[in-house]
Amino acid sequence: MVKLRLKRCGRKQRAVYRIVAIDVRSRREGKDLRKVGFYDPMKNQTYLNVPVILDFLEKGAQPTGTVQNLLKKAEVFKELPSSV
């Protein structure tokens, strides 16, 4: 099963997160299938590669709670043909 989840990057006290498509059995810093965006909580910036995210969601990928909140905030789910 594939999940869309956060992968921690950056240094101590200055974490930034990559949003990645990754196998459920992999650990947080494990090998990802594809990078689909990033999130910087310090600057409150988010970049999403929406076509790739929609492709993964249509194929059955499940977002984690935090990633789902980021996607809702960016209104990505409105672009899906059927709601996830």
N, C-alpha and C. Protein backbone atom coordinates (compact mmCIF):
# COMPACT_ATOMS: atom_id res chain seq x y z
N MET A 1 0.84 -1.18 0.00
CA MET A 1 0.00 0.00 0.00
C MET A 1 0.89 1.25 0.00
N VAL A 2 0.48 2.24 -0.74
CA VAL A 2 1.23 3.49 -0.86
C VAL A 2 0.54 4.57 -0.03
N LYS A 3 1.34 5.34 0.67
CA LYS A 3 0.82 6.47 1.45
C LYS A 3 1.52 7.74 1.03
N LEU A 4 0.81 8.84 1.14
CA LEU A 4 1.41 10.16 0.99
C LEU A 4 1.70 10.65 2.40
N ARG A 5 2.97 10.84 2.72
CA ARG A 5 3.31 11.25 4.07
C ARG A 5 4.51 12.18 4.08
N LEU A 6 4.81 12.72 5.26
CA LEU A 6 5.89 13.69 5.40
C LEU A 6 7.20 12.97 5.68
N LYS A 7 8.27 13.51 5.10
CA LYS A 7 9.62 13.01 5.32
C LYS A 7 10.44 14.18 5.84
N ARG A 8 10.98 14.06 7.02
CA ARG A 8 11.68 15.17 7.67
C ARG A 8 13.04 15.43 7.04
N CYS A 9 13.33 16.70 6.80
CA CYS A 9 14.61 17.15 6.29
C CYS A 9 15.01 18.39 7.08
N GLY A 10 16.16 18.96 6.77
CA GLY A 10 16.59 20.17 7.46
C GLY A 10 17.45 19.85 8.66
N ARG A 11 17.70 20.86 9.46
CA ARG A 11 18.57 20.67 10.62
C ARG A 11 17.76 20.75 11.91
N LYS A 12 18.46 20.63 13.03
CA LYS A 12 17.78 20.68 14.33
C LYS A 12 17.06 22.01 14.51
N GLN A 13 15.86 21.93 15.05
CA GLN A 13 15.02 23.09 15.32
C GLN A 13 14.61 23.86 14.07
N ARG A 14 14.94 23.39 12.89
CA ARG A 14 14.60 24.04 11.62
C ARG A 14 14.10 23.00 10.62
N ALA A 15 13.17 22.20 11.04
CA ALA A 15 12.70 21.11 10.20
C ALA A 15 11.88 21.62 9.04
N VAL A 16 12.12 21.04 7.87
CA VAL A 16 11.24 21.19 6.72
C VAL A 16 10.87 19.77 6.31
N TYR A 17 9.76 19.63 5.67
CA TYR A 17 9.25 18.30 5.35
C TYR A 17 9.01 18.17 3.86
N ARG A 18 9.42 17.05 3.30
CA ARG A 18 9.06 16.70 1.93
C ARG A 18 7.79 15.86 2.00
N ILE A 19 6.90 16.10 1.08
CA ILE A 19 5.71 15.26 0.96
C ILE A 19 6.05 14.22 -0.08
N VAL A 20 6.01 12.95 0.30
CA VAL A 20 6.46 11.88 -0.58
C VAL A 20 5.42 10.78 -0.67
N ALA A 21 5.44 10.07 -1.77
CA ALA A 21 4.69 8.84 -1.92
C ALA A 21 5.64 7.72 -1.53
N ILE A 22 5.24 6.92 -0.55
CA ILE A 22 6.16 5.92 0.01
C ILE A 22 5.37 4.68 0.39
N ASP A 23 6.04 3.54 0.35
CA ASP A 23 5.42 2.29 0.77
C ASP A 23 5.19 2.33 2.28
N VAL A 24 4.10 1.76 2.74
CA VAL A 24 3.71 1.82 4.15
C VAL A 24 4.76 1.18 5.04
N ARG A 25 5.41 0.15 4.55
CA ARG A 25 6.36 -0.60 5.38
C ARG A 25 7.69 0.11 5.55
N SER A 26 7.94 1.18 4.78
CA SER A 26 9.20 1.92 4.88
C SER A 26 9.18 2.83 6.09
N ARG A 27 10.36 3.10 6.63
CA ARG A 27 10.44 4.03 7.74
C ARG A 27 10.40 5.47 7.24
N ARG A 28 10.39 6.42 8.15
CA ARG A 28 10.18 7.82 7.79
C ARG A 28 11.23 8.34 6.82
N GLU A 29 12.50 8.01 7.03
CA GLU A 29 13.56 8.47 6.14
C GLU A 29 13.91 7.42 5.09
N GLY A 30 13.04 6.45 4.87
CA GLY A 30 13.32 5.38 3.93
C GLY A 30 13.22 5.84 2.48
N LYS A 31 13.43 4.92 1.58
CA LYS A 31 13.40 5.19 0.14
C LYS A 31 11.97 5.49 -0.28
N ASP A 32 11.79 6.65 -0.92
CA ASP A 32 10.45 7.02 -1.37
C ASP A 32 10.26 6.69 -2.84
N LEU A 33 9.00 6.57 -3.24
CA LEU A 33 8.68 6.30 -4.64
C LEU A 33 8.80 7.57 -5.47
N ARG A 34 8.31 8.68 -4.91
CA ARG A 34 8.33 9.96 -5.64
C ARG A 34 8.12 11.11 -4.68
N LYS A 35 8.83 12.20 -4.92
CA LYS A 35 8.63 13.42 -4.14
C LYS A 35 7.50 14.20 -4.81
N VAL A 36 6.50 14.59 -4.04
CA VAL A 36 5.34 15.27 -4.63
C VAL A 36 5.13 16.67 -4.07
N GLY A 37 6.02 17.14 -3.19
CA GLY A 37 5.89 18.49 -2.67
C GLY A 37 6.74 18.69 -1.44
N PHE A 38 6.63 19.88 -0.85
CA PHE A 38 7.29 20.12 0.43
C PHE A 38 6.47 21.06 1.28
N TYR A 39 6.77 21.06 2.58
CA TYR A 39 6.06 21.88 3.55
C TYR A 39 7.08 22.45 4.52
N ASP A 40 7.08 23.78 4.67
CA ASP A 40 7.97 24.46 5.61
C ASP A 40 7.10 25.11 6.68
N PRO A 41 7.01 24.51 7.87
CA PRO A 41 6.15 25.08 8.91
C PRO A 41 6.67 26.39 9.49
N MET A 42 7.96 26.64 9.40
CA MET A 42 8.53 27.88 9.94
C MET A 42 8.08 29.09 9.12
N LYS A 43 8.11 28.96 7.80
CA LYS A 43 7.71 30.04 6.90
C LYS A 43 6.26 29.88 6.43
N ASN A 44 5.63 28.77 6.82
CA ASN A 44 4.26 28.45 6.43
C ASN A 44 4.13 28.42 4.91
N GLN A 45 5.08 27.76 4.25
CA GLN A 45 5.06 27.61 2.79
C GLN A 45 4.77 26.16 2.44
N THR A 46 4.01 26.00 1.38
CA THR A 46 3.69 24.67 0.88
C THR A 46 3.80 24.68 -0.63
N TYR A 47 4.46 23.68 -1.18
CA TYR A 47 4.49 23.48 -2.63
C TYR A 47 3.96 22.08 -2.89
N LEU A 48 3.00 21.98 -3.79
CA LEU A 48 2.41 20.69 -4.12
C LEU A 48 2.45 20.48 -5.63
N ASN A 49 2.88 19.31 -6.06
CA ASN A 49 2.82 18.93 -7.46
C ASN A 49 1.46 18.25 -7.66
N VAL A 50 0.45 19.06 -7.91
CA VAL A 50 -0.95 18.61 -7.88
C VAL A 50 -1.24 17.49 -8.88
N PRO A 51 -0.80 17.56 -10.15
CA PRO A 51 -1.12 16.45 -11.06
C PRO A 51 -0.59 15.10 -10.58
N VAL A 52 0.60 15.09 -10.02
CA VAL A 52 1.18 13.83 -9.54
C VAL A 52 0.43 13.35 -8.30
N ILE A 53 0.06 14.27 -7.41
CA ILE A 53 -0.70 13.90 -6.22
C ILE A 53 -2.05 13.31 -6.61
N LEU A 54 -2.74 13.94 -7.55
CA LEU A 54 -4.03 13.42 -8.01
C LEU A 54 -3.88 12.04 -8.63
N ASP A 55 -2.79 11.82 -9.37
CA ASP A 55 -2.54 10.52 -9.98
C ASP A 55 -2.37 9.45 -8.90
N PHE A 56 -1.61 9.75 -7.86
CA PHE A 56 -1.43 8.78 -6.78
C PHE A 56 -2.74 8.53 -6.03
N LEU A 57 -3.53 9.58 -5.79
CA LEU A 57 -4.80 9.41 -5.09
C LEU A 57 -5.78 8.57 -5.90
N GLU A 58 -5.79 8.77 -7.22
CA GLU A 58 -6.68 7.98 -8.07
C GLU A 58 -6.27 6.51 -8.11
N LYS A 59 -4.99 6.25 -7.93
CA LYS A 59 -4.50 4.86 -7.92
C LYS A 59 -4.69 4.20 -6.56
N GLY A 60 -5.16 4.95 -5.55
CA GLY A 60 -5.48 4.35 -4.27
C GLY A 60 -4.54 4.70 -3.13
N ALA A 61 -3.65 5.65 -3.33
CA ALA A 61 -2.76 6.06 -2.24
C ALA A 61 -3.56 6.76 -1.15
N GLN A 62 -3.18 6.52 0.10
CA GLN A 62 -3.87 7.11 1.24
C GLN A 62 -2.99 8.18 1.87
N PRO A 63 -3.47 9.41 2.02
CA PRO A 63 -2.68 10.42 2.72
C PRO A 63 -2.77 10.26 4.23
N THR A 64 -1.70 10.61 4.93
CA THR A 64 -1.74 10.60 6.39
C THR A 64 -2.58 11.80 6.84
N GLY A 65 -2.85 11.89 8.12
CA GLY A 65 -3.69 12.96 8.64
C GLY A 65 -3.14 14.35 8.35
N THR A 66 -1.85 14.54 8.58
CA THR A 66 -1.24 15.85 8.36
C THR A 66 -1.23 16.22 6.88
N VAL A 67 -0.88 15.26 6.04
CA VAL A 67 -0.87 15.52 4.60
C VAL A 67 -2.28 15.78 4.11
N GLN A 68 -3.25 15.08 4.64
CA GLN A 68 -4.64 15.30 4.24
C GLN A 68 -5.08 16.72 4.60
N ASN A 69 -4.67 17.21 5.76
CA ASN A 69 -4.99 18.59 6.13
C ASN A 69 -4.35 19.59 5.19
N LEU A 70 -3.11 19.34 4.79
CA LEU A 70 -2.43 20.23 3.84
C LEU A 70 -3.13 20.22 2.48
N LEU A 71 -3.57 19.04 2.05
CA LEU A 71 -4.25 18.93 0.76
C LEU A 71 -5.62 19.60 0.80
N LYS A 72 -6.33 19.49 1.93
CA LYS A 72 -7.62 20.16 2.06
C LYS A 72 -7.44 21.67 2.04
N LYS A 73 -6.41 22.15 2.71
CA LYS A 73 -6.13 23.58 2.75
C LYS A 73 -5.83 24.13 1.35
N ALA A 74 -5.17 23.31 0.52
CA ALA A 74 -4.85 23.71 -0.85
C ALA A 74 -5.98 23.37 -1.83
N GLU A 75 -7.08 22.79 -1.33
CA GLU A 75 -8.26 22.44 -2.12
C GLU A 75 -7.94 21.49 -3.26
N VAL A 76 -7.09 20.50 -2.98
CA VAL A 76 -6.73 19.50 -3.98
C VAL A 76 -7.87 18.51 -4.20
N PHE A 77 -8.63 18.22 -3.14
CA PHE A 77 -9.68 17.21 -3.25
C PHE A 77 -10.83 17.67 -4.14
N LYS A 78 -10.98 18.96 -4.36
CA LYS A 78 -12.03 19.44 -5.26
C LYS A 78 -11.74 19.08 -6.71
N GLU A 79 -10.47 18.80 -7.02
CA GLU A 79 -10.09 18.48 -8.38
C GLU A 79 -10.24 17.01 -8.70
N LEU A 80 -10.50 16.18 -7.69
CA LEU A 80 -10.70 14.76 -7.92
C LEU A 80 -12.09 14.51 -8.49
N PRO A 81 -12.23 13.58 -9.42
CA PRO A 81 -13.55 13.27 -9.96
C PRO A 81 -14.50 12.71 -8.90
N SER A 82 -13.99 11.83 -8.02
CA SER A 82 -14.79 11.33 -6.91
C SER A 82 -14.07 11.68 -5.63
N SER A 83 -14.82 12.02 -4.59
CA SER A 83 -14.19 12.47 -3.34
C SER A 83 -13.47 11.32 -2.66
N VAL A 84 -12.34 11.63 -2.01
CA VAL A 84 -11.53 10.63 -1.32
C VAL A 84 -11.86 10.68 0.14
